[in-house]
Structures are given as structure tokens and as C-alpha cells.
C-alpha atoms as a PDB file:
ATOM      1  CA  MET A   1      95.952  16.064  79.818  1.00  0.00           C
ATOM      2  CA  SER A   2      97.293  19.484  78.770  1.00  0.00           C
ATOM      3  CA  HIS A   3      94.654  22.185  78.693  1.00  0.00           C
ATOM      4  CA  GLY A   4      96.013  24.154  75.701  1.00  0.00           C
ATOM      5  CA  ARG A   5      97.342  21.997  72.854  1.00  0.00           C
ATOM      6  CA  ILE A   6      94.917  20.534  70.310  1.00  0.00           C
ATOM      7  CA  LEU A   7      95.130  16.745  70.448  1.00  0.00           C
ATOM      8  CA  ARG A   8      95.006  14.434  67.450  1.00  0.00           C
ATOM      9  CA  ASN A   9      94.586  10.632  67.267  1.00  0.00           C
ATOM     10  CA  HIS A  10      93.502  10.727  70.871  1.00  0.00           C
ATOM     11  CA  HIS A  11      91.181   8.413  72.779  1.00  0.00           C
ATOM     12  CA  ALA A  12      91.041   7.771  76.524  1.00  0.00           C
ATOM     13  CA  LEU A  13      88.801   6.662  79.366  1.00  0.00           C
ATOM     14  CA  ILE A  14      89.168   9.019  82.326  1.00  0.00           C
ATOM     15  CA  THR A  15      88.275   7.911  85.853  1.00  0.00           C
ATOM     16  CA  TYR A  16      87.765  10.802  88.235  1.00  0.00           C
ATOM     17  CA  SER A  17      89.586  10.772  91.557  1.00  0.00           C
ATOM     18  CA  ALA A  18      87.843  11.605  94.820  1.00  0.00           C
ATOM     19  CA  LYS A  19      89.362  15.085  94.578  1.00  0.00           C
ATOM     20  CA  GLY A  20      88.121  15.430  90.991  1.00  0.00           C
ATOM     21  CA  TRP A  21      84.558  14.574  92.010  1.00  0.00           C
ATOM     22  CA  ASP A  22      84.818  17.041  94.884  1.00  0.00           C
ATOM     23  CA  ILE A  23      85.955  19.879  92.603  1.00  0.00           C
ATOM     24  CA  LEU A  24      83.129  19.065  90.190  1.00  0.00           C
ATOM     25  CA  GLU A  25      80.582  19.078  93.014  1.00  0.00           C
ATOM     26  CA  GLN A  26      81.845  22.457  94.239  1.00  0.00           C
ATOM     27  CA  LYS A  27      81.723  23.986  90.760  1.00  0.00           C
ATOM     28  CA  ARG A  28      78.256  22.649  90.051  1.00  0.00           C
ATOM     29  CA  ARG A  29      76.912  23.678  93.470  1.00  0.00           C
ATOM     30  CA  ARG A  30      78.165  27.215  92.869  1.00  0.00           C
ATOM     31  CA  SER A  31      76.681  27.194  89.350  1.00  0.00           C
ATOM     32  CA  GLN A  32      73.374  26.035  90.782  1.00  0.00           C
ATOM     33  CA  LEU A  33      73.288  28.927  93.260  1.00  0.00           C
ATOM     34  CA  LEU A  34      73.910  31.425  90.464  1.00  0.00           C
ATOM     35  CA  LEU A  35      71.258  29.925  88.188  1.00  0.00           C
ATOM     36  CA  GLU A  36      68.729  29.807  91.026  1.00  0.00           C
ATOM     37  CA  ILE A  37      68.728  33.567  91.569  1.00  0.00           C
ATOM     38  CA  PHE A  38      67.626  34.109  87.971  1.00  0.00           C
ATOM     39  CA  VAL A  39      65.176  31.200  87.816  1.00  0.00           C
ATOM     40  CA  LYS A  40      63.470  32.652  90.915  1.00  0.00           C
ATOM     41  CA  GLU A  41      62.966  35.841  88.883  1.00  0.00           C
ATOM     42  CA  GLY A  42      61.450  34.034  85.897  1.00  0.00           C
ATOM     43  CA  PHE A  43      64.473  33.493  83.653  1.00  0.00           C
ATOM     44  CA  ASN A  44      66.157  30.303  82.432  1.00  0.00           C
ATOM     45  CA  PRO A  45      69.903  30.735  81.894  1.00  0.00           C
ATOM     46  CA  LYS A  46      72.292  27.831  81.349  1.00  0.00           C
ATOM     47  CA  VAL A  47      75.808  26.994  82.477  1.00  0.00           C
ATOM     48  CA  TYR A  48      78.087  25.875  79.654  1.00  0.00           C
ATOM     49  CA  GLY A  49      81.520  24.380  79.179  1.00  0.00           C
ATOM     50  CA  SER A  50      83.437  22.066  81.486  1.00  0.00           C
ATOM     51  CA  VAL A  51      80.966  22.412  84.387  1.00  0.00           C
ATOM     52  CA  ALA A  52      78.243  21.038  82.104  1.00  0.00           C
ATOM     53  CA  ARG A  53      80.503  18.226  80.801  1.00  0.00           C
ATOM     54  CA  GLY A  54      82.279  17.326  84.036  1.00  0.00           C
ATOM     55  CA  ASP A  55      85.947  17.665  83.028  1.00  0.00           C
ATOM     56  CA  VAL A  56      86.742  20.423  85.513  1.00  0.00           C
ATOM     57  CA  HIS A  57      89.867  21.412  87.389  1.00  0.00           C
ATOM     58  CA  GLU A  58      90.389  23.951  90.161  1.00  0.00           C
ATOM     59  CA  GLU A  59      90.789  26.866  87.733  1.00  0.00           C
ATOM     60  CA  SER A  60      87.796  25.965  85.542  1.00  0.00           C
ATOM     61  CA  ASP A  61      85.491  28.873  84.764  1.00  0.00           C
ATOM     62  CA  ILE A  62      81.810  28.979  85.614  1.00  0.00           C
ATOM     63  CA  ASP A  63      80.223  30.445  82.488  1.00  0.00           C
ATOM     64  CA  ILE A  64      76.522  31.303  82.440  1.00  0.00           C
ATOM     65  CA  ILE A  65      74.642  32.169  79.258  1.00  0.00           C
ATOM     66  CA  PHE A  66      71.287  33.797  78.592  1.00  0.00           C
ATOM     67  CA  THR A  67      70.121  32.647  75.158  1.00  0.00           C
ATOM     68  CA  ARG A  68      67.587  35.408  74.579  1.00  0.00           C
ATOM     69  CA  GLN A  69      67.813  39.173  74.807  1.00  0.00           C
ATOM     70  CA  ILE A  70      66.871  40.724  78.141  1.00  0.00           C
ATOM     71  CA  PRO A  71      67.342  44.396  79.074  1.00  0.00           C
ATOM     72  CA  SER A  72      70.569  44.676  81.021  1.00  0.00           C
ATOM     73  CA  PHE A  73      68.946  46.675  83.814  1.00  0.00           C
ATOM     74  CA  GLN A  74      66.814  43.631  84.697  1.00  0.00           C
ATOM     75  CA  ILE A  75      69.909  41.458  85.087  1.00  0.00           C
ATOM     76  CA  GLU A  76      71.591  44.136  87.176  1.00  0.00           C
ATOM     77  CA  LEU A  77      68.581  44.610  89.447  1.00  0.00           C
ATOM     78  CA  ILE A  78      68.628  40.861  90.140  1.00  0.00           C
ATOM     79  CA  LEU A  79      72.387  40.804  90.739  1.00  0.00           C
ATOM     80  CA  ASN A  80      72.129  43.731  93.154  1.00  0.00           C
ATOM     81  CA  LYS A  81      69.125  42.168  94.902  1.00  0.00           C
ATOM     82  CA  TYR A  82      71.149  39.044  95.694  1.00  0.00           C
ATOM     83  CA  GLY A  83      74.279  40.888  96.765  1.00  0.00           C
ATOM     84  CA  TYR A  84      76.309  40.839  93.551  1.00  0.00           C
ATOM     85  CA  SER A  85      77.316  44.465  93.055  1.00  0.00           C
ATOM     86  CA  ASN A  86      81.078  44.284  92.591  1.00  0.00           C
ATOM     87  CA  TYR A  87      81.251  43.125  88.973  1.00  0.00           C
ATOM     88  CA  HIS A  88      82.926  44.338  85.801  1.00  0.00           C
ATOM     89  CA  ARG A  89      81.085  44.650  82.456  1.00  0.00           C
ATOM     90  CA  GLU A  90      82.324  44.471  78.892  1.00  0.00           C
ATOM     91  CA  ILE A  91      80.641  44.637  75.485  1.00  0.00           C
ATOM     92  CA  ILE A  92      82.267  42.224  73.028  1.00  0.00           C
ATOM     93  CA  MET A  93      81.644  41.448  69.368  1.00  0.00           C
ATOM     94  CA  ALA A  94      84.205  38.835  68.324  1.00  0.00           C
ATOM     95  CA  THR A  95      83.820  39.341  64.556  1.00  0.00           C
ATOM     96  CA  PRO A  96      81.697  41.678  62.395  1.00  0.00           C
ATOM     97  CA  TYR A  97      79.216  38.813  61.958  1.00  0.00           C
ATOM     98  CA  ASP A  98      79.052  37.555  65.534  1.00  0.00           C
ATOM     99  CA  THR A  99      76.353  38.188  68.125  1.00  0.00           C
ATOM    100  CA  ILE A 100      77.059  41.250  70.260  1.00  0.00           C
ATOM    101  CA  LYS A 101      77.333  40.189  73.882  1.00  0.00           C
ATOM    102  CA  LEU A 102      77.531  41.838  77.273  1.00  0.00           C
ATOM    103  CA  TYR A 103      79.789  40.056  79.761  1.00  0.00           C
ATOM    104  CA  TYR A 104      79.420  40.350  83.516  1.00  0.00           C
ATOM    105  CA  TYR A 105      82.554  39.234  85.336  1.00  0.00           C
ATOM    106  CA  LEU A 106      81.455  38.400  88.876  1.00  0.00           C
ATOM    107  CA  SER A 107      84.911  37.130  89.807  1.00  0.00           C
ATOM    108  CA  GLU A 108      88.052  35.852  88.103  1.00  0.00           C
ATOM    109  CA  LEU A 109      86.367  32.510  87.363  1.00  0.00           C
ATOM    110  CA  GLU A 110      82.669  33.453  87.105  1.00  0.00           C
ATOM    111  CA  SER A 111      80.954  35.252  84.247  1.00  0.00           C
ATOM    112  CA  ILE A 112      77.507  35.834  82.793  1.00  0.00           C
ATOM    113  CA  THR A 113      76.916  36.364  79.071  1.00  0.00           C
ATOM    114  CA  LEU A 114      73.920  38.365  77.889  1.00  0.00           C
ATOM    115  CA  PRO A 115      73.191  38.808  74.155  1.00  0.00           C
ATOM    116  CA  LEU A 116      72.692  42.415  73.054  1.00  0.00           C
ATOM    117  CA  SER A 117      71.755  41.319  69.532  1.00  0.00           C
ATOM    118  CA  LYS A 118      69.823  38.320  68.291  1.00  0.00           C
ATOM    119  CA  PHE A 119      71.410  34.868  68.424  1.00  0.00           C
ATOM    120  CA  ASN A 120      71.123  32.956  65.167  1.00  0.00           C
ATOM    121  CA  LYS A 121      71.032  29.152  65.064  1.00  0.00           C
ATOM    122  CA  LYS A 122      74.752  28.857  64.398  1.00  0.00           C
ATOM    123  CA  SER A 123      75.655  31.150  67.289  1.00  0.00           C
ATOM    124  CA  LEU A 124      73.440  29.190  69.664  1.00  0.00           C
ATOM    125  CA  GLU A 125      75.066  25.933  68.573  1.00  0.00           C
ATOM    126  CA  PHE A 126      78.374  27.312  69.819  1.00  0.00           C
ATOM    127  CA  TYR A 127      77.126  26.709  73.374  1.00  0.00           C
ATOM    128  CA  ASP A 128      75.871  23.222  72.518  1.00  0.00           C
ATOM    129  CA  PHE A 129      79.328  22.592  71.033  1.00  0.00           C
ATOM    130  CA  GLY A 130      80.878  23.059  74.465  1.00  0.00           C
ATOM    131  CA  GLY A 131      77.942  21.519  76.315  1.00  0.00           C
ATOM    132  CA  LYS A 132      75.327  23.334  78.380  1.00  0.00           C
ATOM    133  CA  VAL A 133      72.858  22.429  81.146  1.00  0.00           C
ATOM    134  CA  ASN A 134      69.985  24.184  82.894  1.00  0.00           C
ATOM    135  CA  LEU A 135      69.142  24.338  86.595  1.00  0.00           C
ATOM    136  CA  ASP A 136      67.043  21.146  86.637  1.00  0.00           C
ATOM    137  CA  GLN A 137      69.837  19.235  84.922  1.00  0.00           C
ATOM    138  CA  LEU A 138      72.317  20.499  87.520  1.00  0.00           C
ATOM    139  CA  ARG A 139      70.014  19.458  90.341  1.00  0.00           C
ATOM    140  CA  ASN A 140      69.716  15.992  88.800  1.00  0.00           C
ATOM    141  CA  ASP A 141      73.520  15.663  88.456  1.00  0.00           C
ATOM    142  CA  LEU A 142      73.230  15.389  84.676  1.00  0.00           C
ATOM    143  CA  ARG A 143      76.390  15.895  82.633  1.00  0.00           C
ATOM    144  CA  VAL A 144      76.270  16.292  78.854  1.00  0.00           C
ATOM    145  CA  PRO A 145      78.681  15.651  75.978  1.00  0.00           C
ATOM    146  CA  GLY A 146      80.602  18.627  74.646  1.00  0.00           C
ATOM    147  CA  ILE A 147      83.810  19.598  72.890  1.00  0.00           C
ATOM    148  CA  ASN A 148      86.622  21.516  74.582  1.00  0.00           C
ATOM    149  CA  LYS A 149      89.167  23.950  73.112  1.00  0.00           C
ATOM    150  CA  GLN A 150      91.550  21.084  72.381  1.00  0.00           C
ATOM    151  CA  LEU A 151      88.954  19.653  69.981  1.00  0.00           C
ATOM    152  CA  ILE A 152      88.392  16.738  72.349  1.00  0.00           C
ATOM    153  CA  LEU A 153      84.851  15.472  72.773  1.00  0.00           C
ATOM    154  CA  ILE A 154      84.046  14.754  76.410  1.00  0.00           C
ATOM    155  CA  LYS A 155      81.408  12.034  76.810  1.00  0.00           C
ATOM    156  CA  PRO A 156      80.375  11.569  80.481  1.00  0.00           C
ATOM    157  CA  ASN A 157      79.989   8.151  82.069  1.00  0.00           C
ATOM    158  CA  VAL A 158      79.453   6.887  85.626  1.00  0.00           C
ATOM    159  CA  SER A 159      83.147   6.798  86.544  1.00  0.00           C
ATOM    160  CA  GLY A 160      84.240   9.967  84.761  1.00  0.00           C
ATOM    161  CA  HIS A 161      84.227  10.377  80.994  1.00  0.00           C
ATOM    162  CA  GLU A 162      85.374   9.032  77.657  1.00  0.00           C
ATOM    163  CA  GLU A 163      87.250  11.426  75.407  1.00  0.00           C
ATOM    164  CA  TYR A 164      88.313  11.364  71.783  1.00  0.00           C
ATOM    165  CA  SER A 165      89.706  13.761  69.213  1.00  0.00           C
ATOM    166  CA  VAL A 166      87.120  15.366  66.959  1.00  0.00           C
ATOM    167  CA  ILE A 167      89.663  15.512  64.125  1.00  0.00           C
ATOM    168  CA  GLY A 168      88.815  12.596  61.841  1.00  0.00           C
ATOM    169  CA  ASN A 169      85.717  11.821  63.923  1.00  0.00           C
ATOM    170  CA  GLU A 170      83.545  14.783  62.967  1.00  0.00           C
ATOM    171  CA  ASN A 171      80.453  12.733  62.114  1.00  0.00           C
ATOM    172  CA  LEU A 172      80.605  10.832  65.397  1.00  0.00           C
ATOM    173  CA  ALA A 173      81.078  14.094  67.307  1.00  0.00           C
ATOM    174  CA  ALA A 174      78.035  15.599  65.588  1.00  0.00           C
ATOM    175  CA  LYS A 175      75.991  12.556  66.569  1.00  0.00           C
ATOM    176  CA  ASP A 176      77.176  12.533  70.186  1.00  0.00           C
ATOM    177  CA  THR A 177      76.571  16.267  70.706  1.00  0.00           C
ATOM    178  CA  GLY A 178      73.422  16.528  68.591  1.00  0.00           C
ATOM    179  CA  ILE A 179      74.689  19.566  66.693  1.00  0.00           C
ATOM    180  CA  SER A 180      75.229  20.070  62.989  1.00  0.00           C
ATOM    181  CA  LEU A 181      78.286  18.802  61.162  1.00  0.00           C
ATOM    182  CA  SER A 182      78.734  22.294  59.682  1.00  0.00           C
ATOM    183  CA  THR A 183      79.099  23.796  63.178  1.00  0.00           C
ATOM    184  CA  ILE A 184      81.589  21.079  64.158  1.00  0.00           C
ATOM    185  CA  SER A 185      83.612  21.821  61.011  1.00  0.00           C
ATOM    186  CA  GLU A 186      83.477  25.579  61.493  1.00  0.00           C
ATOM    187  CA  ARG A 187      84.588  25.448  65.128  1.00  0.00           C
ATOM    188  CA  LYS A 188      87.355  23.002  64.194  1.00  0.00           C
ATOM    189  CA  LYS A 189      88.602  25.451  61.566  1.00  0.00           C
ATOM    190  CA  VAL A 190      88.593  28.346  64.059  1.00  0.00           C
ATOM    191  CA  LEU A 191      90.451  26.415  66.758  1.00  0.00           C
ATOM    192  CA  LEU A 192      93.029  25.016  64.346  1.00  0.00           C
ATOM    193  CA  ARG A 193      93.657  28.518  63.001  1.00  0.00           C
ATOM    194  CA  ARG A 194      94.044  29.783  66.563  1.00  0.00           C
ATOM    195  CA  GLU A 195      96.540  26.998  67.285  1.00  0.00           C
ATOM    196  CA  LYS A 196      98.597  28.023  64.258  1.00  0.00           C
ATOM    197  CA  HIS A 197      98.431  31.810  64.499  1.00  0.00           C
ATOM    198  CA  GLY A 198      97.555  32.442  68.143  1.00  0.00           C
ATOM    199  CA  LYS A 199      94.474  34.160  69.490  1.00  0.00           C
ATOM    200  CA  THR A 200      93.549  37.222  67.470  1.00  0.00           C
ATOM    201  CA  GLY A 201      91.823  40.380  68.642  1.00  0.00           C
ATOM    202  CA  VAL A 202      88.107  41.053  68.587  1.00  0.00           C
ATOM    203  CA  PHE A 203      86.131  43.382  66.330  1.00  0.00           C
ATOM    204  CA  LEU A 204      84.600  45.294  69.238  1.00  0.00           C
ATOM    205  CA  LYS A 205      85.584  45.375  72.910  1.00  0.00           C
ATOM    206  CA  ARG A 206      84.289  48.109  75.188  1.00  0.00           C
ATOM    207  CA  SER A 207      84.663  48.121  78.970  1.00  0.00           C
ATOM    208  CA  LEU A 208      81.884  49.890  80.850  1.00  0.00           C
ATOM    209  CA  ASP A 209      81.923  52.119  83.877  1.00  0.00           C
ATOM    210  CA  LYS A 210      79.341  51.526  86.597  1.00  0.00           C
ATOM    211  CA  SER A 211      77.351  54.554  85.455  1.00  0.00           C
ATOM    212  CA  GLU A 212      77.182  53.582  81.775  1.00  0.00           C
ATOM    213  CA  ASN A 213      74.122  51.968  80.214  1.00  0.00           C
ATOM    214  CA  PRO A 214      75.184  49.120  77.862  1.00  0.00           C
ATOM    215  CA  GLU A 215      72.340  49.609  75.380  1.00  0.00           C
ATOM    216  CA  GLU A 216      72.956  53.364  75.144  1.00  0.00           C
ATOM    217  CA  ILE A 217      76.685  52.862  74.642  1.00  0.00           C
ATOM    218  CA  LEU A 218      75.996  50.285  71.944  1.00  0.00           C
ATOM    219  CA  ARG A 219      73.642  52.651  70.108  1.00  0.00           C
ATOM    220  CA  ASP A 220      76.418  55.254  70.089  1.00  0.00           C
ATOM    221  CA  VAL A 221      78.899  52.697  68.748  1.00  0.00           C
ATOM    222  CA  ALA A 222      76.399  51.670  66.043  1.00  0.00           C
ATOM    223  CA  LYS A 223      76.383  55.230  64.688  1.00  0.00           C
ATOM    224  CA  LYS A 224      80.067  54.781  63.800  1.00  0.00           C
ATOM    225  CA  LYS A 225      80.270  51.069  62.954  1.00  0.00           C
ATOM    226  CA  THR A 226      78.122  49.746  60.104  1.00  0.00           C
ATOM    227  CA  PHE A 227      78.410  46.079  61.122  1.00  0.00           C
ATOM    228  CA  VAL A 228      77.180  46.883  64.622  1.00  0.00           C
ATOM    229  CA  ARG A 229      74.246  48.827  63.182  1.00  0.00           C
ATOM    230  CA  LYS A 230      73.352  45.943  60.872  1.00  0.00           C
ATOM    231  CA  LYS A 231      73.558  43.404  63.670  1.00  0.00           C
ATOM    232  CA  LEU A 232      71.283  45.460  65.913  1.00  0.00           C
ATOM    233  CA  SER A 233      68.720  45.768  63.110  1.00  0.00           C
ATOM    234  CA  GLU A 234      68.345  41.976  62.723  1.00  0.00           C
ATOM    235  CA  ARG A 235      65.032  40.547  63.823  1.00  0.00           C
END
């Protein structure tokens, strides 16, 4: 299956090869190690996307998300404690209404997302849309349903997964993922627009030097950008 084009009228049963299971095991083992360092320190991040669903390939990202605000220095103290010091950081706000997030890029395929403003229900459902699991679920080899960027719902089974196009099956997708129909419809609209017009830029993108404090930089940005200031004031 192509990893870029949105598929329509699609349904398939996918049986994983021995190599496919091996790649999945490697990705999930690595995800587990990353989650463990934070769980040991009292936090409960999740891994989301293909690693949570199971439909991985060799270039699949390992994406970790914190769903509540935590001071960035705490995350960085933990990363440094466990030997992760060579990372790149970026503040991103996709649209004027989106959650402001701090991204830690540990490697080309590994990232951590930390919210710098409050997640609302709709923003949190974005991660359920793609599928997410916690450390215990990883340890128990649990895979969860989720929808990829091709608008294909991945539904794990013992031999691999079932997949079907969300287009025309929105109600079924909402039931299988346990998220609202409105979120399914909104994400479908975004991805179809991206297919037609290409990926657009983001409202705010700010790379950080090692010496820069993300929260201080964001406060400076908020003095100039009203939407950033409003987002930071939400409680």
C-alpha cells in the first residue's frame, strides 16, 4: 500500500510477514524504553500513530505525546539523566487555534511532543484518531485501532490488521476508534484539503538553541502575536 495517496473504496485484510512482525517488535521495544524513562519519573506519556496500531515499516516514526502541560526543564532533566542530550527542539503552533507544542527530535525517526498550552477535547482526540497506547499496553502487546494519513482505518487482528477507507464509512470509523464523528469529519476535511492543495505552512514555527528556554521564548512571542497570547491565557 502506498504511504501518501488517500485511498477510497478500499478494504483489505493484511497478514504481516515475519519481517513485518520483527520491525513492529523493534519499534515497540524502542518505544517502551523511551516511555519507561518517564514513567520511572512519575509521568505517563503515550506513543501514538503506526507503532500503536501496528502498521509499521522501517521508516515509521516513533512519536511520543505528553497530554498535559509539564515544565520543559523537567523533561530535559530526565532526558539528560538517561543520556539523551543531543536533541533538537522546536515550538510549533499549526494554526492560530491549535495547541502550542514543543517538539523534541531525539533522532530522525523519534520525537517527543509536549504541550505548551492547554489541550482541549478536540485536540486530544487527534491522538486517538491516529491511535495511542501507554507503557502497560505496550508491555502487553496491545495494538489499537486508528486512522492513518491516507484516511484508512487500521483495525488490528491476530495475523495483522483489517483496513478500510474512512470515506463513506465515517460512522463505523467513529465506532471502531471510540472518537466523535465530528473529529472524524474534521480530520477528513483537513487531509482531503492537503491532498488537493499540498501541505501548507504553520502559523508559528520557532527552532530553539540549546541555551534558550521554551517558555520564556513563547512569552516573548506572545507579546507580538495575539493568538498566541490568547492561547496561553486559556485555563
